[in-house]
């Protein structure tokens, strides 16, 4: 009933490592001092030669040795050193776990056994959290470091302020908050008798980076220049100090480029290249070379040298590929070799694999029925959802058609209303003009009566006939005027309500004037209807504008039509 399973290549590798670990443990039992000396020497050598398989094997062996040690400070230092290496290789979760192992051995903040490595272990945690995208957790870790540092010494406080400022600068993008903490760190270093002025150089460089971000290149330049010529040296024993020397030099060249001083930038970049070629290689020298090539390409672009730009771009891409390839290989190898060392032993893994196979065999039939039932249930739910969707889609379509019909009906009603208003307006205008003609006719009649008076051959019967005609014509004009005002009132009933609400002090005469202006009658027609002269009509309009509180640039017709 049982069946032989094929042995995976990964399991073979893990079994080989297990045999090697057991062999190392036996060697240590026979001669512990010799074993410890070998692992201590081989770790940096393996890392330097990119022999990461040897590095991880030595690390696993030393883990066994360190667990037996009773020296707490040695353990804390070991966990910090290897957590730093794992962080550099991109193994961030493993780096956090190792750092926390060391911190757990030194968690009394008021009486730290190894404050240097404990604080650095916290820093590794914060950097790894940032690398994993846990930026809020990283910021809280940096704040914890600052609280602990205040119990140690002022230099630790300056370093903690610098790290917290870097977080604000790089991840929160809060330049002002970052600058506050950088300035605080700078003040601590300059006003106290503190050893290790290299930290002040790093702080100055960070301040310069913020000034560059703010495009204040002239202010940033002296910081980089002072760091390059005074604070750091290519002959420093520590790789980080050498790296800082070249980084500040390259940034200084970049500032010259920003300020269009290509001659100084070219001379400085050539000097840096010469120095790099003559000194002994150090850790991360490839990344320095990458920055140098990028600055040289920027210089070539500034000098309009397309061939150099092309050649440098090719070199940059090759170097990037080389750096990424080494890093990816180390990450994959470290993940494979460290996975079970952190969690379980290899024998447990093999036993779990066997039990897992048996469990899958026993539950296979049950899983089949569960999957089948779930499939049928999901299919039924999908059909139901599809049916409801079709119903809803049909209802939405009907509602849409109904809304379109209503909108069309409303549009037609609005068109008819607009046409009706236009016809009434034309009717009112025609009526006003007709009234004007009647008044002209009456003026002619008055002239004829004056002629009768001047006539010496006055005839009573003829005079009475002309007078009767005058009375009849006057009645007809009054009738026309009343009809005119009735029609204006019909068209403007809603307008009158709004007008009286906003301007309750208007007289009846002024309200009639507003109505006549609103239907766009000219001054002459308004004067005729109101039986006044055009000049009086203009005066009435002027007084009306003042009563309506209109500005000189406001149009009276537009204002009344907007009510």
Foldseek 3Di string as FASTA:
>chain_A
DDDDDDDDPLLVVQVVLVVVLVVLVVVCVVPVVVSVVVLVVVQVVCVVVLVLLVNLSSLLNVVVVLVPDPDLVVQLVSLLVVLVVCVVLVVLVSSLVSLVVSCVSAVPLLDGPHLVSNLSSLLSNLSSCVVVVVLVVSLVSLVVQCVSQVNPDLLSNLVSLQSNLVSCVPPVVPLVSSVVSLVVSLCSLVVDPDPDCLSNLVSLQVNLVSCVVVVVLVVSLVSLVCCQPPNADCPDPDPVRNLSNLVSLLVNLVSCVSVVVLVVSVVSLVVSVVSLVPDDDDPPVLVSVLSSLVSVLSSCVSVVNVVSVVVSVVVNVVSVVVVVVSSVVSVVSSCSNCVCVVPHRSVVVVVVVVVVVVVCVVCVVVVVVVVVVVVVVVVVVVVVVVVVVVVVVVVVVVVVVVVVVVVVVVVVVVVVVVVVLVVLLVVLQVLLVVLLVLVVVLVVLVVVVVVLVVDPPHDPVVNVVSVVVSVVSVVVSVVSLVVSVVSLCVSCVVLLVVCCVLQVPDDPVLSVLLSCVLSPDDLCSVCSSVVHHSVVSVVSVVVSCVSNVHDPVDDSNVVSNVD
